[in-house]
Structure formats: C-alpha cells, structure tokens
Amino acid sequence: MFEWMAWTMPVAVFFTCIVLMLAGMTLWEIKRPTIERKGFLPLITTRGDRLFIGLLSAAYLNLAFVAVSEKMIGWFSLAQEPSIWFGFVASMLLLGFVMAKG
C-alpha cells in the first residue's frame, strides 16, 4: 500500500510528529479553548491558525533544505550531503517559533 513512498526514518518521524501535534492540539482545545491574538504575523490568529501556518512554513523550509543540500557540498566543502535531520530540526524550530510568537 505504501510502496510508492520512501519511508525513511526522518519521513516517519516527521509524520508521527504531525499526528501527535494534531492530537495534542485537539486535547488542548477541548481543555482550554483558544483566544485570538496578534503576534508577529500580520493577522489575528488562533492556535489552530498558527499551527497551520507553522506546518506550511516548516514544510517549505524542509523542501528548501532538500533542494539546496546537494549544493551545500560545494558551498561548505563537505565530504557528503548534510543529513536530512538538520532540515527536520530547523523546520521544527520554525514551527515552534510560529506557534509561540506568531
């Protein structure tokens, strides 16, 4: 069924994190309903809005990392492509920042 996708460990961890975030946000919303607020984003957002924007931002950052990872070999004189875990960690940090300050 899932033969079409390369299920590597980073991919599995990424999707597991998304599922856990959605479950956690659902429980958090039930326990403590969200309040709209204005952060650094140019609009008033709820927790769910910030999660959606953060997930999109994290996905784009991760894709950008994958796109330039081969070029990083020449830029930084690396022996091999950098680990995809760097992109994963950077995208999760961006997601956390958008959730906290957005």
PDB file of N, CA and C in Angstrom:
ATOM      1  N   MET A   1       0.811  -1.197   0.000  1.00  0.00           N
ATOM      2  CA  MET A   1       0.000   0.000   0.000  1.00  0.00           C
ATOM      3  C   MET A   1       0.862   1.272   0.000  1.00  0.00           C
ATOM      4  N   PHE A   2       1.946   1.291   0.777  1.00  0.00           N
ATOM      5  CA  PHE A   2       2.783   2.483   0.874  1.00  0.00           C
ATOM      6  C   PHE A   2       4.094   2.335   0.099  1.00  0.00           C
ATOM      7  N   GLU A   3       4.128   1.456  -0.884  1.00  0.00           N
ATOM      8  CA  GLU A   3       5.360   1.224  -1.639  1.00  0.00           C
ATOM      9  C   GLU A   3       5.770   2.428  -2.474  1.00  0.00           C
ATOM     10  N   TRP A   4       4.820   3.304  -2.792  1.00  0.00           N
ATOM     11  CA  TRP A   4       5.100   4.452  -3.638  1.00  0.00           C
ATOM     12  C   TRP A   4       5.938   5.513  -2.934  1.00  0.00           C
ATOM     13  N   MET A   5       6.027   5.456  -1.611  1.00  0.00           N
ATOM     14  CA  MET A   5       6.742   6.491  -0.869  1.00  0.00           C
ATOM     15  C   MET A   5       7.978   5.916  -0.202  1.00  0.00           C
ATOM     16  N   ALA A   6       9.032   6.709  -0.164  1.00  0.00           N
ATOM     17  CA  ALA A   6      10.271   6.294   0.501  1.00  0.00           C
ATOM     18  C   ALA A   6      10.120   6.526   2.001  1.00  0.00           C
ATOM     19  N   TRP A   7       9.743   5.501   2.730  1.00  0.00           N
ATOM     20  CA  TRP A   7       9.527   5.637   4.173  1.00  0.00           C
ATOM     21  C   TRP A   7      10.857   5.500   4.899  1.00  0.00           C
ATOM     22  N   THR A   8      11.569   6.598   4.957  1.00  0.00           N
ATOM     23  CA  THR A   8      12.815   6.629   5.712  1.00  0.00           C
ATOM     24  C   THR A   8      12.492   7.046   7.141  1.00  0.00           C
ATOM     25  N   MET A   9      13.452   6.930   8.014  1.00  0.00           N
ATOM     26  CA  MET A   9      13.228   7.302   9.400  1.00  0.00           C
ATOM     27  C   MET A   9      12.834   8.782   9.544  1.00  0.00           C
ATOM     28  N   PRO A  10      13.519   9.730   8.880  1.00  0.00           N
ATOM     29  CA  PRO A  10      13.093  11.128   9.021  1.00  0.00           C
ATOM     30  C   PRO A  10      11.652  11.376   8.560  1.00  0.00           C
ATOM     31  N   VAL A  11      11.238  10.701   7.487  1.00  0.00           N
ATOM     32  CA  VAL A  11       9.867  10.866   6.993  1.00  0.00           C
ATOM     33  C   VAL A  11       8.877  10.325   8.022  1.00  0.00           C
ATOM     34  N   ALA A  12       9.166   9.161   8.567  1.00  0.00           N
ATOM     35  CA  ALA A  12       8.282   8.569   9.576  1.00  0.00           C
ATOM     36  C   ALA A  12       8.206   9.444  10.828  1.00  0.00           C
ATOM     37  N   VAL A  13       9.330   9.976  11.270  1.00  0.00           N
ATOM     38  CA  VAL A  13       9.340  10.854  12.449  1.00  0.00           C
ATOM     39  C   VAL A  13       8.556  12.130  12.150  1.00  0.00           C
ATOM     40  N   PHE A  14       8.728  12.696  10.959  1.00  0.00           N
ATOM     41  CA  PHE A  14       8.025  13.920  10.578  1.00  0.00           C
ATOM     42  C   PHE A  14       6.514  13.722  10.650  1.00  0.00           C
ATOM     43  N   PHE A  15       6.006  12.659  10.037  1.00  0.00           N
ATOM     44  CA  PHE A  15       4.569  12.431  10.036  1.00  0.00           C
ATOM     45  C   PHE A  15       4.053  12.038  11.419  1.00  0.00           C
ATOM     46  N   THR A  16       4.850  11.327  12.185  1.00  0.00           N
ATOM     47  CA  THR A  16       4.461  10.998  13.560  1.00  0.00           C
ATOM     48  C   THR A  16       4.330  12.269  14.385  1.00  0.00           C
ATOM     49  N   CYS A  17       5.259  13.193  14.207  1.00  0.00           N
ATOM     50  CA  CYS A  17       5.190  14.475  14.925  1.00  0.00           C
ATOM     51  C   CYS A  17       3.930  15.252  14.549  1.00  0.00           C
ATOM     52  N   ILE A  18       3.575  15.240  13.274  1.00  0.00           N
ATOM     53  CA  ILE A  18       2.371  15.950  12.845  1.00  0.00           C
ATOM     54  C   ILE A  18       1.131  15.337  13.486  1.00  0.00           C
ATOM     55  N   VAL A  19       1.040  14.017  13.492  1.00  0.00           N
ATOM     56  CA  VAL A  19      -0.117  13.347  14.103  1.00  0.00           C
ATOM     57  C   VAL A  19      -0.178  13.649  15.595  1.00  0.00           C
ATOM     58  N   LEU A  20       0.958  13.607  16.276  1.00  0.00           N
ATOM     59  CA  LEU A  20       0.982  13.908  17.708  1.00  0.00           C
ATOM     60  C   LEU A  20       0.605  15.371  17.981  1.00  0.00           C
ATOM     61  N   MET A  21       1.058  16.277  17.117  1.00  0.00           N
ATOM     62  CA  MET A  21       0.690  17.690  17.279  1.00  0.00           C
ATOM     63  C   MET A  21      -0.810  17.892  17.111  1.00  0.00           C
ATOM     64  N   LEU A  22      -1.394  17.262  16.115  1.00  0.00           N
ATOM     65  CA  LEU A  22      -2.833  17.397  15.895  1.00  0.00           C
ATOM     66  C   LEU A  22      -3.630  16.829  17.064  1.00  0.00           C
ATOM     67  N   ALA A  23      -3.208  15.680  17.582  1.00  0.00           N
ATOM     68  CA  ALA A  23      -3.891  15.092  18.737  1.00  0.00           C
ATOM     69  C   ALA A  23      -3.728  15.991  19.966  1.00  0.00           C
ATOM     70  N   GLY A  24      -2.515  16.485  20.185  1.00  0.00           N
ATOM     71  CA  GLY A  24      -2.273  17.371  21.321  1.00  0.00           C
ATOM     72  C   GLY A  24      -3.056  18.669  21.216  1.00  0.00           C
ATOM     73  N   MET A  25      -3.124  19.244  20.015  1.00  0.00           N
ATOM     74  CA  MET A  25      -3.885  20.484  19.822  1.00  0.00           C
ATOM     75  C   MET A  25      -5.374  20.255  20.050  1.00  0.00           C
ATOM     76  N   THR A  26      -5.873  19.104  19.651  1.00  0.00           N
ATOM     77  CA  THR A  26      -7.287  18.792  19.880  1.00  0.00           C
ATOM     78  C   THR A  26      -7.580  18.716  21.369  1.00  0.00           C
ATOM     79  N   LEU A  27      -6.744  18.001  22.099  1.00  0.00           N
ATOM     80  CA  LEU A  27      -6.944  17.899  23.548  1.00  0.00           C
ATOM     81  C   LEU A  27      -6.796  19.258  24.223  1.00  0.00           C
ATOM     82  N   TRP A  28      -5.822  20.037  23.799  1.00  0.00           N
ATOM     83  CA  TRP A  28      -5.600  21.369  24.360  1.00  0.00           C
ATOM     84  C   TRP A  28      -6.810  22.270  24.101  1.00  0.00           C
ATOM     85  N   GLU A  29      -7.390  22.183  22.908  1.00  0.00           N
ATOM     86  CA  GLU A  29      -8.557  22.996  22.561  1.00  0.00           C
ATOM     87  C   GLU A  29      -9.770  22.598  23.399  1.00  0.00           C
ATOM     88  N   ILE A  30      -9.920  21.304  23.643  1.00  0.00           N
ATOM     89  CA  ILE A  30     -11.034  20.842  24.466  1.00  0.00           C
ATOM     90  C   ILE A  30     -10.858  21.326  25.907  1.00  0.00           C
ATOM     91  N   LYS A  31      -9.642  21.199  26.420  1.00  0.00           N
ATOM     92  CA  LYS A  31      -9.373  21.571  27.818  1.00  0.00           C
ATOM     93  C   LYS A  31      -9.383  23.086  28.014  1.00  0.00           C
ATOM     94  N   ARG A  32      -8.793  23.826  27.081  1.00  0.00           N
ATOM     95  CA  ARG A  32      -8.694  25.279  27.207  1.00  0.00           C
ATOM     96  C   ARG A  32      -8.919  25.919  25.837  1.00  0.00           C
ATOM     97  N   PRO A  33     -10.150  26.390  25.570  1.00  0.00           N
ATOM     98  CA  PRO A  33     -10.441  26.980  24.254  1.00  0.00           C
ATOM     99  C   PRO A  33      -9.497  28.140  23.932  1.00  0.00           C
ATOM    100  N   THR A  34      -9.209  28.269  22.656  1.00  0.00           N
ATOM    101  CA  THR A  34      -8.250  29.258  22.197  1.00  0.00           C
ATOM    102  C   THR A  34      -8.796  30.679  22.264  1.00  0.00           C
ATOM    103  N   ILE A  35      -7.880  31.626  22.347  1.00  0.00           N
ATOM    104  CA  ILE A  35      -8.202  33.049  22.323  1.00  0.00           C
ATOM    105  C   ILE A  35      -7.431  33.645  21.145  1.00  0.00           C
ATOM    106  N   GLU A  36      -8.120  34.438  20.340  1.00  0.00           N
ATOM    107  CA  GLU A  36      -7.444  35.075  19.219  1.00  0.00           C
ATOM    108  C   GLU A  36      -6.442  36.099  19.742  1.00  0.00           C
ATOM    109  N   ARG A  37      -5.280  36.166  19.087  1.00  0.00           N
ATOM    110  CA  ARG A  37      -4.271  37.145  19.491  1.00  0.00           C
ATOM    111  C   ARG A  37      -3.448  37.577  18.291  1.00  0.00           C
ATOM    112  N   LYS A  38      -2.743  38.679  18.476  1.00  0.00           N
ATOM    113  CA  LYS A  38      -1.891  39.227  17.414  1.00  0.00           C
ATOM    114  C   LYS A  38      -0.447  39.073  17.845  1.00  0.00           C
ATOM    115  N   GLY A  39       0.323  38.399  17.027  1.00  0.00           N
ATOM    116  CA  GLY A  39       1.751  38.253  17.251  1.00  0.00           C
ATOM    117  C   GLY A  39       2.499  38.956  16.134  1.00  0.00           C
ATOM    118  N   PHE A  40       3.604  38.369  15.690  1.00  0.00           N
ATOM    119  CA  PHE A  40       4.370  38.997  14.611  1.00  0.00           C
ATOM    120  C   PHE A  40       3.731  38.774  13.234  1.00  0.00           C
ATOM    121  N   LEU A  41       2.812  37.817  13.132  1.00  0.00           N
ATOM    122  CA  LEU A  41       2.121  37.597  11.864  1.00  0.00           C
ATOM    123  C   LEU A  41       1.184  38.782  11.602  1.00  0.00           C
ATOM    124  N   PRO A  42       0.974  39.148  10.352  1.00  0.00           N
ATOM    125  CA  PRO A  42       0.181  40.345  10.050  1.00  0.00           C
ATOM    126  C   PRO A  42      -1.331  40.131  10.127  1.00  0.00           C
ATOM    127  N   LEU A  43      -1.785  39.219  10.964  1.00  0.00           N
ATOM    128  CA  LEU A  43      -3.212  38.978  11.145  1.00  0.00           C
ATOM    129  C   LEU A  43      -3.462  38.431  12.540  1.00  0.00           C
ATOM    130  N   ILE A  44      -4.697  38.533  12.966  1.00  0.00           N
ATOM    131  CA  ILE A  44      -5.080  37.972  14.267  1.00  0.00           C
ATOM    132  C   ILE A  44      -5.298  36.472  14.061  1.00  0.00           C
ATOM    133  N   THR A  45      -4.670  35.649  14.922  1.00  0.00           N
ATOM    134  CA  THR A  45      -4.711  34.205  14.719  1.00  0.00           C
ATOM    135  C   THR A  45      -5.155  33.468  15.977  1.00  0.00           C
ATOM    136  N   THR A  46      -5.637  32.260  15.751  1.00  0.00           N
ATOM    137  CA  THR A  46      -5.916  31.330  16.840  1.00  0.00           C
ATOM    138  C   THR A  46      -4.780  30.310  16.874  1.00  0.00           C
ATOM    139  N   ARG A  47      -4.811  29.441  17.864  1.00  0.00           N
ATOM    140  CA  ARG A  47      -3.807  28.387  17.958  1.00  0.00           C
ATOM    141  C   ARG A  47      -3.781  27.520  16.705  1.00  0.00           C
ATOM    142  N   GLY A  48      -4.948  27.165  16.217  1.00  0.00           N
ATOM    143  CA  GLY A  48      -5.043  26.335  15.014  1.00  0.00           C
ATOM    144  C   GLY A  48      -4.504  27.035  13.778  1.00  0.00           C
ATOM    145  N   ASP A  49      -4.775  28.343  13.676  1.00  0.00           N
ATOM    146  CA  ASP A  49      -4.225  29.116  12.552  1.00  0.00           C
ATOM    147  C   ASP A  49      -2.705  29.088  12.576  1.00  0.00           C
ATOM    148  N   ARG A  50      -2.132  29.318  13.767  1.00  0.00           N
ATOM    149  CA  ARG A  50      -0.681  29.335  13.885  1.00  0.00           C
ATOM    150  C   ARG A  50      -0.094  27.958  13.599  1.00  0.00           C
ATOM    151  N   LEU A  51      -0.796  26.883  13.999  1.00  0.00           N
ATOM    152  CA  LEU A  51      -0.321  25.536  13.683  1.00  0.00           C
ATOM    153  C   LEU A  51      -0.308  25.326  12.172  1.00  0.00           C
ATOM    154  N   PHE A  52      -1.372  25.717  11.496  1.00  0.00           N
ATOM    155  CA  PHE A  52      -1.456  25.552  10.047  1.00  0.00           C
ATOM    156  C   PHE A  52      -0.358  26.347   9.348  1.00  0.00           C
ATOM    157  N   ILE A  53      -0.206  27.619   9.705  1.00  0.00           N
ATOM    158  CA  ILE A  53       0.832  28.461   9.097  1.00  0.00           C
ATOM    159  C   ILE A  53       2.211  27.900   9.417  1.00  0.00           C
ATOM    160  N   GLY A  54       2.405  27.444  10.655  1.00  0.00           N
ATOM    161  CA  GLY A  54       3.685  26.871  11.051  1.00  0.00           C
ATOM    162  C   GLY A  54       4.005  25.587  10.307  1.00  0.00           C
ATOM    163  N   LEU A  55       3.010  24.738  10.103  1.00  0.00           N
ATOM    164  CA  LEU A  55       3.237  23.496   9.363  1.00  0.00           C
ATOM    165  C   LEU A  55       3.588  23.783   7.904  1.00  0.00           C
ATOM    166  N   LEU A  56       2.893  24.744   7.300  1.00  0.00           N
ATOM    167  CA  LEU A  56       3.238  25.120   5.927  1.00  0.00           C
ATOM    168  C   LEU A  56       4.655  25.675   5.858  1.00  0.00           C
ATOM    169  N   SER A  57       4.999  26.547   6.796  1.00  0.00           N
ATOM    170  CA  SER A  57       6.343  27.132   6.819  1.00  0.00           C
ATOM    171  C   SER A  57       7.400  26.048   7.013  1.00  0.00           C
ATOM    172  N   ALA A  58       7.128  25.113   7.922  1.00  0.00           N
ATOM    173  CA  ALA A  58       8.072  24.026   8.176  1.00  0.00           C
ATOM    174  C   ALA A  58       8.244  23.152   6.941  1.00  0.00           C
ATOM    175  N   ALA A  59       7.150  22.871   6.250  1.00  0.00           N
ATOM    176  CA  ALA A  59       7.234  22.049   5.033  1.00  0.00           C
ATOM    177  C   ALA A  59       8.063  22.747   3.961  1.00  0.00           C
ATOM    178  N   TYR A  60       7.829  24.057   3.767  1.00  0.00           N
ATOM    179  CA  TYR A  60       8.597  24.790   2.754  1.00  0.00           C
ATOM    180  C   TYR A  60      10.067  24.873   3.125  1.00  0.00           C
ATOM    181  N   LEU A  61      10.367  25.076   4.397  1.00  0.00           N
ATOM    182  CA  LEU A  61      11.766  25.122   4.826  1.00  0.00           C
ATOM    183  C   LEU A  61      12.434  23.765   4.603  1.00  0.00           C
ATOM    184  N   ASN A  62      11.722  22.692   4.931  1.00  0.00           N
ATOM    185  CA  ASN A  62      12.263  21.350   4.745  1.00  0.00           C
ATOM    186  C   ASN A  62      12.522  21.080   3.261  1.00  0.00           C
ATOM    187  N   LEU A  63      11.589  21.469   2.394  1.00  0.00           N
ATOM    188  CA  LEU A  63      11.775  21.290   0.954  1.00  0.00           C
ATOM    189  C   LEU A  63      12.939  22.136   0.438  1.00  0.00           C
ATOM    190  N   ALA A  64      13.085  23.342   0.949  1.00  0.00           N
ATOM    191  CA  ALA A  64      14.204  24.193   0.541  1.00  0.00           C
ATOM    192  C   ALA A  64      15.527  23.565   0.954  1.00  0.00           C
ATOM    193  N   PHE A  65      15.571  22.982   2.150  1.00  0.00           N
ATOM    194  CA  PHE A  65      16.790  22.322   2.610  1.00  0.00           C
ATOM    195  C   PHE A  65      17.146  21.154   1.690  1.00  0.00           C
ATOM    196  N   VAL A  66      16.142  20.370   1.340  1.00  0.00           N
ATOM    197  CA  VAL A  66      16.385  19.236   0.438  1.00  0.00           C
ATOM    198  C   VAL A  66      16.873  19.741  -0.925  1.00  0.00           C
ATOM    199  N   ALA A  67      16.299  20.857  -1.391  1.00  0.00           N
ATOM    200  CA  ALA A  67      16.676  21.390  -2.697  1.00  0.00           C
ATOM    201  C   ALA A  67      18.115  21.876  -2.739  1.00  0.00           C
ATOM    202  N   VAL A  68      18.609  22.451  -1.650  1.00  0.00           N
ATOM    203  CA  VAL A  68      19.965  23.010  -1.661  1.00  0.00           C
ATOM    204  C   VAL A  68      20.999  22.107  -0.994  1.00  0.00           C
ATOM    205  N   SER A  69      20.576  20.963  -0.458  1.00  0.00           N
ATOM    206  CA  SER A  69      21.527  20.121   0.275  1.00  0.00           C
ATOM    207  C   SER A  69      22.662  19.612  -0.616  1.00  0.00           C
ATOM    208  N   GLU A  70      22.368  19.343  -1.888  1.00  0.00           N
ATOM    209  CA  GLU A  70      23.434  18.894  -2.788  1.00  0.00           C
ATOM    210  C   GLU A  70      24.422  20.029  -3.078  1.00  0.00           C
ATOM    211  N   LYS A  71      23.913  21.242  -3.177  1.00  0.00           N
ATOM    212  CA  LYS A  71      24.774  22.402  -3.429  1.00  0.00           C
ATOM    213  C   LYS A  71      25.618  22.756  -2.210  1.00  0.00           C
ATOM    214  N   MET A  72      25.162  22.366  -1.025  1.00  0.00           N
ATOM    215  CA  MET A  72      25.918  22.655   0.199  1.00  0.00           C
ATOM    216  C   MET A  72      27.277  21.957   0.216  1.00  0.00           C
ATOM    217  N   ILE A  73      27.398  20.873  -0.531  1.00  0.00           N
ATOM    218  CA  ILE A  73      28.679  20.158  -0.608  1.00  0.00           C
ATOM    219  C   ILE A  73      29.754  21.110  -1.132  1.00  0.00           C
ATOM    220  N   GLY A  74      29.444  21.832  -2.188  1.00  0.00           N
ATOM    221  CA  GLY A  74      30.403  22.777  -2.760  1.00  0.00           C
ATOM    222  C   GLY A  74      30.550  24.046  -1.935  1.00  0.00           C
ATOM    223  N   TRP A  75      29.437  24.545  -1.410  1.00  0.00           N
ATOM    224  CA  TRP A  75      29.469  25.789  -0.646  1.00  0.00           C
ATOM    225  C   TRP A  75      30.324  25.682   0.609  1.00  0.00           C
ATOM    226  N   PHE A  76      30.185  24.560   1.324  1.00  0.00           N
ATOM    227  CA  PHE A  76      30.852  24.397   2.614  1.00  0.00           C
ATOM    228  C   PHE A  76      31.973  23.358   2.583  1.00  0.00           C
ATOM    229  N   SER A  77      32.355  22.904   1.400  1.00  0.00           N
ATOM    230  CA  SER A  77      33.420  21.894   1.219  1.00  0.00           C
ATOM    231  C   SER A  77      33.159  20.657   2.079  1.00  0.00           C
ATOM    232  N   LEU A  78      31.970  20.104   1.964  1.00  0.00           N
ATOM    233  CA  LEU A  78      31.595  18.915   2.732  1.00  0.00           C
ATOM    234  C   LEU A  78      31.985  17.652   1.981  1.00  0.00           C
ATOM    235  N   ALA A  79      32.187  16.576   2.711  1.00  0.00           N
ATOM    236  CA  ALA A  79      32.522  15.291   2.100  1.00  0.00           C
ATOM    237  C   ALA A  79      31.280  14.628   1.496  1.00  0.00           C
ATOM    238  N   GLN A  80      30.119  14.907   2.073  1.00  0.00           N
ATOM    239  CA  GLN A  80      28.869  14.329   1.577  1.00  0.00           C
ATOM    240  C   GLN A  80      27.729  15.299   1.883  1.00  0.00           C
ATOM    241  N   GLU A  81      26.533  14.990   1.372  1.00  0.00           N
ATOM    242  CA  GLU A  81      25.372  15.841   1.631  1.00  0.00           C
ATOM    243  C   GLU A  81      25.089  15.877   3.126  1.00  0.00           C
ATOM    244  N   PRO A  82      24.637  17.034   3.638  1.00  0.00           N
ATOM    245  CA  PRO A  82      24.285  17.098   5.056  1.00  0.00           C
ATOM    246  C   PRO A  82      23.071  16.218   5.345  1.00  0.00           C
ATOM    247  N   SER A  83      22.989  15.758   6.559  1.00  0.00           N
ATOM    248  CA  SER A  83      21.895  14.883   6.970  1.00  0.00           C
ATOM    249  C   SER A  83      20.556  15.615   6.879  1.00  0.00           C
ATOM    250  N   ILE A  84      19.541  14.898   6.487  1.00  0.00           N
ATOM    251  CA  ILE A  84      18.199  15.462   6.401  1.00  0.00           C
ATOM    252  C   ILE A  84      17.681  15.853   7.787  1.00  0.00           C
ATOM    253  N   TRP A  85      18.300  15.316   8.831  1.00  0.00           N
ATOM    254  CA  TRP A  85      17.890  15.657  10.195  1.00  0.00           C
ATOM    255  C   TRP A  85      18.099  17.141  10.489  1.00  0.00           C
ATOM    256  N   PHE A  86      19.088  17.772   9.846  1.00  0.00           N
ATOM    257  CA  PHE A  86      19.296  19.214  10.042  1.00  0.00           C
ATOM    258  C   PHE A  86      18.081  19.996   9.550  1.00  0.00           C
ATOM    259  N   GLY A  87      17.570  19.623   8.392  1.00  0.00           N
ATOM    260  CA  GLY A  87      16.371  20.265   7.858  1.00  0.00           C
ATOM    261  C   GLY A  87      15.163  20.017   8.735  1.00  0.00           C
ATOM    262  N   PHE A  88      15.052  18.802   9.260  1.00  0.00           N
ATOM    263  CA  PHE A  88      13.941  18.463  10.141  1.00  0.00           C
ATOM    264  C   PHE A  88      13.984  19.312  11.404  1.00  0.00           C
ATOM    265  N   VAL A  89      15.151  19.401  12.028  1.00  0.00           N
ATOM    266  CA  VAL A  89      15.279  20.179  13.264  1.00  0.00           C
ATOM    267  C   VAL A  89      15.000  21.658  12.997  1.00  0.00           C
ATOM    268  N   ALA A  90      15.530  22.189  11.897  1.00  0.00           N
ATOM    269  CA  ALA A  90      15.287  23.593  11.554  1.00  0.00           C
ATOM    270  C   ALA A  90      13.802  23.861  11.318  1.00  0.00           C
ATOM    271  N   SER A  91      13.135  22.943  10.643  1.00  0.00           N
ATOM    272  CA  SER A  91      11.708  23.146  10.377  1.00  0.00           C
ATOM    273  C   SER A  91      10.878  23.040  11.653  1.00  0.00           C
ATOM    274  N   MET A  92      11.255  22.170  12.568  1.00  0.00           N
ATOM    275  CA  MET A  92      10.526  22.069  13.835  1.00  0.00           C
ATOM    276  C   MET A  92      10.770  23.300  14.714  1.00  0.00           C
ATOM    277  N   LEU A  93      11.980  23.863  14.657  1.00  0.00           N
ATOM    278  CA  LEU A  93      12.253  25.102  15.389  1.00  0.00           C
ATOM    279  C   LEU A  93      11.421  26.250  14.820  1.00  0.00           C
ATOM    280  N   LEU A  94      11.319  26.315  13.508  1.00  0.00           N
ATOM    281  CA  LEU A  94      10.491  27.339  12.876  1.00  0.00           C
ATOM    282  C   LEU A  94       9.019  27.164  13.279  1.00  0.00           C
ATOM    283  N   LEU A  95       8.541  25.938  13.273  1.00  0.00           N
ATOM    284  CA  LEU A  95       7.171  25.660  13.687  1.00  0.00           C
ATOM    285  C   LEU A  95       6.936  26.109  15.128  1.00  0.00           C
ATOM    286  N   GLY A  96       7.857  25.773  16.021  1.00  0.00           N
ATOM    287  CA  GLY A  96       7.746  26.186  17.417  1.00  0.00           C
ATOM    288  C   GLY A  96       7.738  27.692  17.571  1.00  0.00           C
ATOM    289  N   PHE A  97       8.565  28.385  16.778  1.00  0.00           N
ATOM    290  CA  PHE A  97       8.618  29.843  16.834  1.00  0.00           C
ATOM    291  C   PHE A  97       7.300  30.454  16.376  1.00  0.00           C
ATOM    292  N   VAL A  98       6.738  29.950  15.283  1.00  0.00           N
ATOM    293  CA  VAL A  98       5.464  30.470  14.785  1.00  0.00           C
ATOM    294  C   VAL A  98       4.355  30.193  15.802  1.00  0.00           C
ATOM    295  N   MET A  99       4.364  29.023  16.408  1.00  0.00           N
ATOM    296  CA  MET A  99       3.339  28.702  17.408  1.00  0.00           C
ATOM    297  C   MET A  99       3.443  29.617  18.630  1.00  0.00           C
ATOM    298  N   ALA A 100       4.654  29.901  19.064  1.00  0.00           N
ATOM    299  CA  ALA A 100       4.851  30.672  20.297  1.00  0.00           C
ATOM    300  C   ALA A 100       4.684  32.174  20.074  1.00  0.00           C
ATOM    301  N   LYS A 101       5.224  32.692  18.992  1.00  0.00           N
ATOM    302  CA  LYS A 101       5.271  34.157  18.809  1.00  0.00           C
ATOM    303  C   LYS A 101       4.379  34.667  17.691  1.00  0.00           C
ATOM    304  N   GLY A 102       3.815  33.771  16.875  1.00  0.00           N
ATOM    305  CA  GLY A 102       3.030  34.196  15.720  1.00  0.00           C
ATOM    306  C   GLY A 102       1.734  34.768  16.127  1.00  0.00           C
TER     307      GLY A 102
END
